[in-house]
Amino acid sequence: MLRLLSTISWRHVRHHRLRTFLTFLGMALGVAVIVAIALVNRALTTSFQSTIEQIAGKAVLQVSNSESGMAEAVLPLVRDTEGVLDAAAAVDGFLPVNGVRAERLYVYGVDLLSDFTMRDHQFVGDGFAFDNALDFIARPDSIAVTESFARRLGLSMGSTLVLNTSRGKQTYSVRALLKEEGTARVFGGNFALMDLPVAQLAYGKEGKLDIIDLTVEAGAKVETVQARLRQRLHGAAEVERPKKRGEQIESLLTSFRVGLFFCKLDRSVRRIFSHLQHSLGLHRAAQAGDRYVALPGYAPVGTLAFDYHRGAHPGHSWRDHGLLTGLGAGASSAVGGG
């Protein structure tokens, strides 16, 4: 190994300093990219988990059915289950803001009268009294946006906001402003509240729900209530803790990170093996006394060199022997190191 290092590797380094420098630079950049991706994924996981917890509020269990949604008939079943204290249904998603490029608003459609049992929405001004809530619900174009979103788009109480919905462009009136506290902090303040039926129409989800948040009665065990709900729903929806949804997102991000790492590792190993095959093949051919002209760069296996000789010569067999030796050494090192 030391003889190969001195006769092949070191000589190659001395004769190809720029190539060697660029190789090491590429390795360093590759490691830096992998570390950067890992840090970004960790930050994304933390952000997603925080978002889920903020939206969930006081809920200890959530009933959902992935992206398909579930029928509204599920809500009475959940409310009537023994051990359930409060239940609040919602639909959610993003709606593009018409006329503002790349601006999307996360609209959370809820029953405001029941949702306050789950989330403590903070409103600007004199608050959001019961009469205000009734007025908000009574008007089918009501929307509440955060202060930062309103400032960015120049909105105020009574201003109109046009969103691209499943029914085309729809105009809504800003009838409340939210302080950026609790749930309203998600997605950088691009958050809005709508009454549940209005949001269902906007998303084209009439008669459907995305999620039901619930709390349990004092003294009731969460696991027991969860088991009862699963039994009553008969597979119509999943019943999980809010944290579980964050764990699922984290699992997806971890799978993406591992896959990206192995793609980069595979590419690096292929380049190392290609270079090893090239060097050892030429070295064996040179030892056999073969006369050849090497093509520049990394040639694929079996075409490392064109041999020019006047008669029959064992140069080809020595060259192939060198390639097989290089492949065997590389594979042994990979297996031994793994």
Foldseek 3Di string as FASTA:
>chain_A
DVVCCVPFVVVCCVVCVVVVVVVVVVVVVLVVVLVVLVVVLVVVLVQVLLLLPLVQAQFFKKKFAPPVFFFPVLVVVLVPFAFWDAKWFWAWDWWDFPPDPPQIAIEIATAVVRCCVRHPWAWPDPTQDPVNSVVQQVDLQEKEFEPVVCVVVVHDQQDWTWTQFPVGTDIHGYHTYTYCDRNCPRPNRSYMYHHHVSVCVRHVNVRGTGMMGTDGDPPDDPVVSLVRSCVSCVPSIHMDGSSVVSVVVSVVSVVVSVVVVVVSVVVVLVVVLQVLLLRQLVVQLVVQVFDWDADPDRDDPPPRTDTDDDDDGCSSVSSNVSNVVSVVVSVVVVVVVD
